[in-house]
C-alpha atoms as a PDB file:
ATOM      1  CA  UNK A   1     -65.256  24.612 -30.611  1.00  0.00           C
ATOM      2  CA  UNK A   2     -62.545  27.244 -30.142  1.00  0.00           C
ATOM      3  CA  UNK A   3     -63.421  27.516 -26.498  1.00  0.00           C
ATOM      4  CA  UNK A   4     -63.190  23.751 -25.989  1.00  0.00           C
ATOM      5  CA  UNK A   5     -59.770  23.659 -27.708  1.00  0.00           C
ATOM      6  CA  UNK A   6     -58.547  26.469 -25.513  1.00  0.00           C
ATOM      7  CA  UNK A   7     -59.908  24.643 -22.493  1.00  0.00           C
ATOM      8  CA  UNK A   8     -58.167  21.420 -23.485  1.00  0.00           C
ATOM      9  CA  UNK A   9     -54.895  23.270 -24.090  1.00  0.00           C
ATOM     10  CA  UNK A  10     -55.192  25.007 -20.731  1.00  0.00           C
ATOM     11  CA  UNK A  11     -55.835  21.618 -19.109  1.00  0.00           C
ATOM     12  CA  UNK A  12     -52.719  20.151 -20.722  1.00  0.00           C
ATOM     13  CA  UNK A  13     -50.626  23.125 -19.602  1.00  0.00           C
ATOM     14  CA  UNK A  14     -52.011  22.871 -16.079  1.00  0.00           C
ATOM     15  CA  UNK A  15     -51.299  19.121 -15.985  1.00  0.00           C
ATOM     16  CA  UNK A  16     -47.715  19.723 -17.124  1.00  0.00           C
ATOM     17  CA  UNK A  17     -47.375  22.382 -14.454  1.00  0.00           C
ATOM     18  CA  UNK A  18     -48.553  19.934 -11.786  1.00  0.00           C
ATOM     19  CA  UNK A  19     -46.092  17.330 -13.110  1.00  0.00           C
ATOM     20  CA  UNK A  20     -43.217  19.796 -12.837  1.00  0.00           C
ATOM     21  CA  UNK A  21     -44.256  20.787  -9.323  1.00  0.00           C
ATOM     22  CA  UNK A  22     -44.639  17.117  -8.392  1.00  0.00           C
ATOM     23  CA  UNK A  23     -41.169  16.299  -9.702  1.00  0.00           C
ATOM     24  CA  UNK A  24     -39.692  19.283  -7.843  1.00  0.00           C
ATOM     25  CA  UNK A  25     -41.365  18.209  -4.599  1.00  0.00           C
ATOM     26  CA  UNK A  26     -40.097  14.669  -5.157  1.00  0.00           C
ATOM     27  CA  UNK A  27     -36.538  15.889  -5.686  1.00  0.00           C
ATOM     28  CA  UNK A  28     -36.701  18.115  -2.591  1.00  0.00           C
ATOM     29  CA  UNK A  29     -38.185  15.308  -0.487  1.00  0.00           C
ATOM     30  CA  UNK A  30     -35.526  12.863  -1.637  1.00  0.00           C
ATOM     31  CA  UNK A  31     -32.818  15.410  -0.867  1.00  0.00           C
ATOM     32  CA  UNK A  32     -34.207  16.082   2.609  1.00  0.00           C
ATOM     33  CA  UNK A  33     -34.385  12.357   3.370  1.00  0.00           C
ATOM     34  CA  UNK A  34     -30.778  11.926   2.176  1.00  0.00           C
ATOM     35  CA  UNK A  35     -29.614  14.835   4.344  1.00  0.00           C
ATOM     36  CA  UNK A  36     -31.508  13.481   7.346  1.00  0.00           C
ATOM     37  CA  UNK A  37     -29.994  10.032   6.843  1.00  0.00           C
ATOM     38  CA  UNK A  38     -26.503  11.529   6.537  1.00  0.00           C
ATOM     39  CA  UNK A  39     -27.005  13.471   9.774  1.00  0.00           C
ATOM     40  CA  UNK A  40     -28.223  10.406  11.666  1.00  0.00           C
ATOM     41  CA  UNK A  41     -25.308   8.324  10.344  1.00  0.00           C
ATOM     42  CA  UNK A  42     -22.881  11.060  11.434  1.00  0.00           C
ATOM     43  CA  UNK A  43     -24.351  11.092  14.944  1.00  0.00           C
ATOM     44  CA  UNK A  44     -24.106   7.306  15.103  1.00  0.00           C
ATOM     45  CA  UNK A  45     -20.417   7.514  14.137  1.00  0.00           C
ATOM     46  CA  UNK A  46     -19.742  10.196  16.758  1.00  0.00           C
ATOM     47  CA  UNK A  47     -21.503   8.065  19.380  1.00  0.00           C
ATOM     48  CA  UNK A  48     -19.307   5.124  18.405  1.00  0.00           C
ATOM     49  CA  UNK A  49     -16.133   7.192  18.774  1.00  0.00           C
ATOM     50  CA  UNK A  50     -17.309   8.621  22.093  1.00  0.00           C
ATOM     51  CA  UNK A  51     -18.106   5.148  23.440  1.00  0.00           C
ATOM     52  CA  UNK A  52     -14.701   3.891  22.316  1.00  0.00           C
ATOM     53  CA  UNK A  53     -12.956   6.807  24.068  1.00  0.00           C
ATOM     54  CA  UNK A  54     -15.028   6.186  27.196  1.00  0.00           C
ATOM     55  CA  UNK A  55     -13.844   2.566  27.317  1.00  0.00           C
ATOM     56  CA  UNK A  56     -10.222   3.639  26.772  1.00  0.00           C
ATOM     57  CA  UNK A  57     -10.302   6.538  29.247  1.00  0.00           C
ATOM     58  CA  UNK A  58     -12.695   5.033  31.781  1.00  0.00           C
ATOM     59  CA  UNK A  59     -14.512   8.348  32.043  1.00  0.00           C
ATOM     60  CA  UNK A  60     -17.630   9.478  30.161  1.00  0.00           C
ATOM     61  CA  UNK A  61     -17.060  13.219  30.647  1.00  0.00           C
ATOM     62  CA  UNK A  62     -13.469  12.950  29.394  1.00  0.00           C
ATOM     63  CA  UNK A  63     -14.688  10.987  26.365  1.00  0.00           C
ATOM     64  CA  UNK A  64     -17.323  13.630  25.546  1.00  0.00           C
ATOM     65  CA  UNK A  65     -14.765  16.447  25.908  1.00  0.00           C
ATOM     66  CA  UNK A  66     -12.230  14.633  23.710  1.00  0.00           C
ATOM     67  CA  UNK A  67     -14.818  13.955  20.984  1.00  0.00           C
ATOM     68  CA  UNK A  68     -15.832  17.628  20.944  1.00  0.00           C
ATOM     69  CA  UNK A  69     -12.202  18.780  20.702  1.00  0.00           C
ATOM     70  CA  UNK A  70     -11.615  16.459  17.752  1.00  0.00           C
ATOM     71  CA  UNK A  71     -14.776  17.710  16.017  1.00  0.00           C
ATOM     72  CA  UNK A  72     -13.543  21.290  16.393  1.00  0.00           C
ATOM     73  CA  UNK A  73     -10.107  20.377  15.065  1.00  0.00           C
ATOM     74  CA  UNK A  74     -11.642  18.493  12.118  1.00  0.00           C
ATOM     75  CA  UNK A  75     -13.699  21.592  11.255  1.00  0.00           C
ATOM     76  CA  UNK A  76     -10.593  23.818  11.169  1.00  0.00           C
ATOM     77  CA  UNK A  77      -7.937  21.562   9.595  1.00  0.00           C
ATOM     78  CA  UNK A  78      -7.490  19.568   6.366  1.00  0.00           C
ATOM     79  CA  UNK A  79      -8.152  16.361   8.324  1.00  0.00           C
ATOM     80  CA  UNK A  80     -11.549  14.739   8.589  1.00  0.00           C
ATOM     81  CA  UNK A  81     -13.021  13.540  11.873  1.00  0.00           C
ATOM     82  CA  UNK A  82     -12.446   9.902  10.914  1.00  0.00           C
ATOM     83  CA  UNK A  83      -8.714  10.539  10.411  1.00  0.00           C
ATOM     84  CA  UNK A  84      -8.330  12.323  13.755  1.00  0.00           C
ATOM     85  CA  UNK A  85     -10.429   9.818  15.716  1.00  0.00           C
ATOM     86  CA  UNK A  86      -8.522   6.821  14.357  1.00  0.00           C
ATOM     87  CA  UNK A  87      -5.130   8.350  15.134  1.00  0.00           C
ATOM     88  CA  UNK A  88      -6.334   9.419  18.594  1.00  0.00           C
ATOM     89  CA  UNK A  89      -7.357   5.831  19.328  1.00  0.00           C
ATOM     90  CA  UNK A  90      -3.933   4.704  18.110  1.00  0.00           C
ATOM     91  CA  UNK A  91      -2.076   7.146  20.369  1.00  0.00           C
ATOM     92  CA  UNK A  92      -4.231   6.279  23.392  1.00  0.00           C
ATOM     93  CA  UNK A  93      -3.515   2.598  22.804  1.00  0.00           C
ATOM     94  CA  UNK A  94       0.201   3.414  22.835  1.00  0.00           C
ATOM     95  CA  UNK A  95      -0.164   5.049  26.235  1.00  0.00           C
ATOM     96  CA  UNK A  96      -0.398   8.744  25.326  1.00  0.00           C
ATOM     97  CA  UNK A  97      -2.654  10.332  27.976  1.00  0.00           C
ATOM     98  CA  UNK A  98      -5.931  12.096  27.178  1.00  0.00           C
ATOM     99  CA  UNK A  99      -4.411  15.387  28.443  1.00  0.00           C
ATOM    100  CA  UNK A 100      -1.560  15.112  25.933  1.00  0.00           C
ATOM    101  CA  UNK A 101      -3.246  13.512  22.964  1.00  0.00           C
ATOM    102  CA  UNK A 102      -4.853  16.633  21.411  1.00  0.00           C
ATOM    103  CA  UNK A 103      -1.596  18.635  21.632  1.00  0.00           C
ATOM    104  CA  UNK A 104       0.334  15.698  20.180  1.00  0.00           C
ATOM    105  CA  UNK A 105      -2.268  15.478  17.429  1.00  0.00           C
ATOM    106  CA  UNK A 106      -1.705  19.129  16.523  1.00  0.00           C
ATOM    107  CA  UNK A 107       2.050  18.622  16.402  1.00  0.00           C
ATOM    108  CA  UNK A 108       1.770  15.442  14.315  1.00  0.00           C
ATOM    109  CA  UNK A 109      -0.789  17.118  12.033  1.00  0.00           C
ATOM    110  CA  UNK A 110       1.583  19.982  11.246  1.00  0.00           C
ATOM    111  CA  UNK A 111       4.399  17.532  10.510  1.00  0.00           C
ATOM    112  CA  UNK A 112       2.073  15.539   8.234  1.00  0.00           C
ATOM    113  CA  UNK A 113       1.106  18.691   6.293  1.00  0.00           C
ATOM    114  CA  UNK A 114      -2.538  17.726   5.950  1.00  0.00           C
ATOM    115  CA  UNK A 115      -1.940  14.195   4.655  1.00  0.00           C
ATOM    116  CA  UNK A 116      -4.029  11.584   6.491  1.00  0.00           C
ATOM    117  CA  UNK A 117      -1.696   8.790   5.356  1.00  0.00           C
ATOM    118  CA  UNK A 118       1.405  10.598   6.635  1.00  0.00           C
ATOM    119  CA  UNK A 119      -0.398  11.462   9.886  1.00  0.00           C
ATOM    120  CA  UNK A 120      -1.152   7.807  10.523  1.00  0.00           C
ATOM    121  CA  UNK A 121       2.413   6.689   9.727  1.00  0.00           C
ATOM    122  CA  UNK A 122       4.156   9.366  11.810  1.00  0.00           C
ATOM    123  CA  UNK A 123       1.720   8.832  14.702  1.00  0.00           C
ATOM    124  CA  UNK A 124       2.270   5.077  14.559  1.00  0.00           C
ATOM    125  CA  UNK A 125       6.064   5.470  14.685  1.00  0.00           C
ATOM    126  CA  UNK A 126       5.887   8.022  17.497  1.00  0.00           C
ATOM    127  CA  UNK A 127       3.400   5.909  19.428  1.00  0.00           C
ATOM    128  CA  UNK A 128       5.611   2.829  19.174  1.00  0.00           C
ATOM    129  CA  UNK A 129       8.702   4.576  20.512  1.00  0.00           C
ATOM    130  CA  UNK A 130       6.667   6.308  23.251  1.00  0.00           C
ATOM    131  CA  UNK A 131       5.190   2.975  24.332  1.00  0.00           C
ATOM    132  CA  UNK A 132       8.575   1.237  24.413  1.00  0.00           C
ATOM    133  CA  UNK A 133      10.369   4.235  25.902  1.00  0.00           C
ATOM    134  CA  UNK A 134      13.055   3.598  23.324  1.00  0.00           C
ATOM    135  CA  UNK A 135      13.952   5.008  19.908  1.00  0.00           C
ATOM    136  CA  UNK A 136      14.389   2.317  17.281  1.00  0.00           C
ATOM    137  CA  UNK A 137      15.826   2.706  13.803  1.00  0.00           C
ATOM    138  CA  UNK A 138      12.678   1.247  12.183  1.00  0.00           C
ATOM    139  CA  UNK A 139      10.527   3.978  13.754  1.00  0.00           C
ATOM    140  CA  UNK A 140      12.917   6.709  12.565  1.00  0.00           C
ATOM    141  CA  UNK A 141      12.858   5.245   9.045  1.00  0.00           C
ATOM    142  CA  UNK A 142       9.050   5.231   9.118  1.00  0.00           C
ATOM    143  CA  UNK A 143       9.037   8.920  10.053  1.00  0.00           C
ATOM    144  CA  UNK A 144      11.555   9.781   7.350  1.00  0.00           C
ATOM    145  CA  UNK A 145       9.515   7.903   4.710  1.00  0.00           C
ATOM    146  CA  UNK A 146       6.465   9.925   5.806  1.00  0.00           C
ATOM    147  CA  UNK A 147       8.397  13.158   5.187  1.00  0.00           C
ATOM    148  CA  UNK A 148       9.845  14.071   8.588  1.00  0.00           C
ATOM    149  CA  UNK A 149      13.456  13.466   9.659  1.00  0.00           C
ATOM    150  CA  UNK A 150      13.806  14.149  13.408  1.00  0.00           C
ATOM    151  CA  UNK A 151      17.527  13.353  13.314  1.00  0.00           C
ATOM    152  CA  UNK A 152      18.191  16.088  10.772  1.00  0.00           C
ATOM    153  CA  UNK A 153      16.337  18.599  12.931  1.00  0.00           C
ATOM    154  CA  UNK A 154      18.328  17.551  16.028  1.00  0.00           C
ATOM    155  CA  UNK A 155      21.582  17.769  14.083  1.00  0.00           C
ATOM    156  CA  UNK A 156      20.821  21.253  12.733  1.00  0.00           C
ATOM    157  CA  UNK A 157      19.661  22.542  16.116  1.00  0.00           C
ATOM    158  CA  UNK A 158      22.354  21.023  18.346  1.00  0.00           C
ATOM    159  CA  UNK A 159      25.284  20.555  15.984  1.00  0.00           C
ATOM    160  CA  UNK A 160      25.505  16.822  16.730  1.00  0.00           C
ATOM    161  CA  UNK A 161      26.515  14.832  13.670  1.00  0.00           C
ATOM    162  CA  UNK A 162      24.132  12.389  11.966  1.00  0.00           C
ATOM    163  CA  UNK A 163      26.734   9.658  12.489  1.00  0.00           C
ATOM    164  CA  UNK A 164      26.656  10.281  16.229  1.00  0.00           C
ATOM    165  CA  UNK A 165      22.854  10.226  16.301  1.00  0.00           C
ATOM    166  CA  UNK A 166      22.656   6.912  14.430  1.00  0.00           C
ATOM    167  CA  UNK A 167      25.311   5.516  16.737  1.00  0.00           C
ATOM    168  CA  UNK A 168      23.253   6.539  19.767  1.00  0.00           C
ATOM    169  CA  UNK A 169      20.192   4.831  18.283  1.00  0.00           C
ATOM    170  CA  UNK A 170      22.124   1.574  17.959  1.00  0.00           C
ATOM    171  CA  UNK A 171      23.313   1.924  21.562  1.00  0.00           C
ATOM    172  CA  UNK A 172      19.826   2.793  22.801  1.00  0.00           C
ATOM    173  CA  UNK A 173      20.871   6.138  24.286  1.00  0.00           C
ATOM    174  CA  UNK A 174      18.804   8.429  22.036  1.00  0.00           C
ATOM    175  CA  UNK A 175      15.717   9.253  24.106  1.00  0.00           C
ATOM    176  CA  UNK A 176      12.081   9.645  23.081  1.00  0.00           C
ATOM    177  CA  UNK A 177      12.155  13.086  24.742  1.00  0.00           C
ATOM    178  CA  UNK A 178      14.770  14.184  22.195  1.00  0.00           C
ATOM    179  CA  UNK A 179      12.508  13.073  19.349  1.00  0.00           C
ATOM    180  CA  UNK A 180       9.570  14.898  20.959  1.00  0.00           C
ATOM    181  CA  UNK A 181      11.712  18.020  21.322  1.00  0.00           C
ATOM    182  CA  UNK A 182      12.635  17.834  17.636  1.00  0.00           C
ATOM    183  CA  UNK A 183       8.948  17.615  16.707  1.00  0.00           C
ATOM    184  CA  UNK A 184       8.076  20.552  18.952  1.00  0.00           C
ATOM    185  CA  UNK A 185      10.898  22.634  17.500  1.00  0.00           C
ATOM    186  CA  UNK A 186       9.842  21.791  13.932  1.00  0.00           C
ATOM    187  CA  UNK A 187       6.254  22.882  14.573  1.00  0.00           C
ATOM    188  CA  UNK A 188       6.992  25.954  16.706  1.00  0.00           C
ATOM    189  CA  UNK A 189       7.483  29.475  15.341  1.00  0.00           C
ATOM    190  CA  UNK A 190      10.536  29.487  13.102  1.00  0.00           C
ATOM    191  CA  UNK A 191      10.313  25.732  12.562  1.00  0.00           C
ATOM    192  CA  UNK A 192       9.961  24.084   9.157  1.00  0.00           C
ATOM    193  CA  UNK A 193       6.404  22.870   9.798  1.00  0.00           C
ATOM    194  CA  UNK A 194       5.097  25.849  11.796  1.00  0.00           C
ATOM    195  CA  UNK A 195       1.338  26.294  11.138  1.00  0.00           C
ATOM    196  CA  UNK A 196       1.516  23.756   8.332  1.00  0.00           C
ATOM    197  CA  UNK A 197      -2.042  22.542   8.957  1.00  0.00           C
ATOM    198  CA  UNK A 198      -3.368  26.090   8.923  1.00  0.00           C
ATOM    199  CA  UNK A 199      -1.706  26.750   5.566  1.00  0.00           C
ATOM    200  CA  UNK A 200      -2.968  23.465   4.100  1.00  0.00           C
ATOM    201  CA  UNK A 201      -6.488  24.241   5.315  1.00  0.00           C
ATOM    202  CA  UNK A 202      -6.550  27.238   2.917  1.00  0.00           C
ATOM    203  CA  UNK A 203      -5.891  25.064  -0.150  1.00  0.00           C
ATOM    204  CA  UNK A 204      -8.788  23.773  -2.269  1.00  0.00           C
ATOM    205  CA  UNK A 205      -8.616  20.282  -0.752  1.00  0.00           C
ATOM    206  CA  UNK A 206      -8.293  21.739   2.724  1.00  0.00           C
ATOM    207  CA  UNK A 207     -11.314  23.987   2.236  1.00  0.00           C
ATOM    208  CA  UNK A 208     -13.365  21.091   0.858  1.00  0.00           C
ATOM    209  CA  UNK A 209     -12.441  18.966   3.875  1.00  0.00           C
ATOM    210  CA  UNK A 210     -13.391  21.806   6.238  1.00  0.00           C
ATOM    211  CA  UNK A 211     -16.674  22.310   4.383  1.00  0.00           C
ATOM    212  CA  UNK A 212     -17.497  18.612   4.639  1.00  0.00           C
ATOM    213  CA  UNK A 213     -16.773  18.418   8.383  1.00  0.00           C
ATOM    214  CA  UNK A 214     -18.681  21.635   9.106  1.00  0.00           C
ATOM    215  CA  UNK A 215     -21.674  20.514   7.040  1.00  0.00           C
ATOM    216  CA  UNK A 216     -21.753  17.071   8.656  1.00  0.00           C
ATOM    217  CA  UNK A 217     -21.472  18.564  12.139  1.00  0.00           C
ATOM    218  CA  UNK A 218     -24.366  20.920  11.359  1.00  0.00           C
ATOM    219  CA  UNK A 219     -26.483  18.066  10.021  1.00  0.00           C
ATOM    220  CA  UNK A 220     -25.616  16.096  13.139  1.00  0.00           C
ATOM    221  CA  UNK A 221     -26.841  18.921  15.359  1.00  0.00           C
ATOM    222  CA  UNK A 222     -30.056  19.306  13.358  1.00  0.00           C
ATOM    223  CA  UNK A 223     -30.862  15.576  13.490  1.00  0.00           C
ATOM    224  CA  UNK A 224     -29.637  14.956  17.040  1.00  0.00           C
ATOM    225  CA  UNK A 225     -33.239  14.727  18.288  1.00  0.00           C
ATOM    226  CA  UNK A 226     -34.059  12.072  15.680  1.00  0.00           C
ATOM    227  CA  UNK A 227     -30.918  10.133  16.603  1.00  0.00           C
ATOM    228  CA  UNK A 228     -31.821  10.231  20.308  1.00  0.00           C
ATOM    229  CA  UNK A 229     -35.399   9.074  19.647  1.00  0.00           C
ATOM    230  CA  UNK A 230     -34.197   6.288  17.338  1.00  0.00           C
ATOM    231  CA  UNK A 231     -31.701   5.069  19.953  1.00  0.00           C
ATOM    232  CA  UNK A 232     -33.969   5.320  22.984  1.00  0.00           C
ATOM    233  CA  UNK A 233     -37.342   4.310  21.520  1.00  0.00           C
ATOM    234  CA  UNK A 234     -37.664   3.308  17.879  1.00  0.00           C
ATOM    235  CA  UNK A 235     -34.812   0.803  17.468  1.00  0.00           C
ATOM    236  CA  UNK A 236     -35.429  -0.989  20.808  1.00  0.00           C
ATOM    237  CA  UNK A 237     -39.128  -1.327  19.821  1.00  0.00           C
ATOM    238  CA  UNK A 238     -38.277  -2.733  16.404  1.00  0.00           C
ATOM    239  CA  UNK A 239     -35.834  -5.205  17.969  1.00  0.00           C
ATOM    240  CA  UNK A 240     -38.554  -6.237  20.446  1.00  0.00           C
ATOM    241  CA  UNK A 241     -41.081  -6.773  17.622  1.00  0.00           C
ATOM    242  CA  UNK A 242     -38.655  -8.853  15.547  1.00  0.00           C
ATOM    243  CA  UNK A 243     -37.747 -10.944  18.607  1.00  0.00           C
ATOM    244  CA  UNK A 244     -41.426 -11.558  19.362  1.00  0.00           C
ATOM    245  CA  UNK A 245     -42.114 -12.642  15.789  1.00  0.00           C
ATOM    246  CA  UNK A 246     -39.092 -14.936  15.776  1.00  0.00           C
ATOM    247  CA  UNK A 247     -40.130 -16.538  19.064  1.00  0.00           C
ATOM    248  CA  UNK A 248     -43.730 -16.963  17.845  1.00  0.00           C
ATOM    249  CA  UNK A 249     -42.534 -18.746  14.700  1.00  0.00           C
ATOM    250  CA  UNK A 250     -40.201 -21.027  16.678  1.00  0.00           C
ATOM    251  CA  UNK A 251     -42.992 -21.992  19.064  1.00  0.00           C
ATOM    252  CA  UNK A 252     -46.045 -22.033  16.782  1.00  0.00           C
ATOM    253  CA  UNK A 253     -44.835 -22.076  13.194  1.00  0.00           C
ATOM    254  CA  UNK A 254     -46.635 -19.933  10.605  1.00  0.00           C
ATOM    255  CA  UNK A 255     -49.861 -19.964  12.619  1.00  0.00           C
ATOM    256  CA  UNK A 256     -48.054 -18.536  15.650  1.00  0.00           C
ATOM    257  CA  UNK A 257     -46.190 -16.049  13.451  1.00  0.00           C
ATOM    258  CA  UNK A 258     -49.383 -14.671  11.830  1.00  0.00           C
ATOM    259  CA  UNK A 259     -51.115 -14.470  15.205  1.00  0.00           C
ATOM    260  CA  UNK A 260     -48.239 -12.546  16.777  1.00  0.00           C
ATOM    261  CA  UNK A 261     -47.943 -10.348  13.678  1.00  0.00           C
ATOM    262  CA  UNK A 262     -51.526  -9.179  14.269  1.00  0.00           C
ATOM    263  CA  UNK A 263     -50.655  -8.321  17.874  1.00  0.00           C
ATOM    264  CA  UNK A 264     -47.503  -6.474  16.798  1.00  0.00           C
ATOM    265  CA  UNK A 265     -49.449  -4.564  14.156  1.00  0.00           C
ATOM    266  CA  UNK A 266     -51.939  -3.500  16.808  1.00  0.00           C
ATOM    267  CA  UNK A 267     -49.081  -2.288  19.015  1.00  0.00           C
ATOM    268  CA  UNK A 268     -47.627  -0.301  16.115  1.00  0.00           C
ATOM    269  CA  UNK A 269     -50.932   1.467  15.393  1.00  0.00           C
ATOM    270  CA  UNK A 270     -51.338   2.164  19.115  1.00  0.00           C
ATOM    271  CA  UNK A 271     -47.842   3.725  19.224  1.00  0.00           C
ATOM    272  CA  UNK A 272     -48.580   5.855  16.172  1.00  0.00           C
ATOM    273  CA  UNK A 273     -51.889   7.131  17.577  1.00  0.00           C
END
């Protein structure tokens, strides 16, 4: 009797042990699936950006190079890839060339001090004046509201009064090059915003942003093979199967649908084997 009780107790303990192991395996499996899905989604987003840049630049190699540069910048600054890609698209639409856009992005990023909202607003104002070839008061106000006053920098550097600068804006004689020069001076050594992004990247939020971009880029690299297979083989096959089933139903109703489903199922098993 004692032996049977010990055996039963051992069985219960063993069963609990298997349950714990099973739960652990389930948690690990779920985590791996989530990581894999995140990596594939990241690759899909990068492909979307790259395709968009290719359309805008008219050159696949230039689009690939630009996407890689933005990924590197996202991994070393407080900005996430989404922020940089969206602003890059904005600047390209305003006529900033692909050769200039990354340098402009660095300058605008320093001025924005790691804030994605400020980056978008300053970039939008700068893009508008660059596109028009003319400095307008509304664009200057937008920059000032985002935390950067180019007129103050020009005044301090050249000695020209603020009154004179505003007067030149109203007359249309203040050039975009002068605004660009003020931005370059502000972000160069000795300027107010020199290495602002680098400093912000060392804050908690900056480090978290860098960690996120680095982790997502790593996941993207790990799952790149899965993304390529899904794009080239799996998804086209699934689309073909769904199309065939839809056509079969339209032409033969449920009878045609069930018949075609059997054929599709056979194709699936053949692909698996």
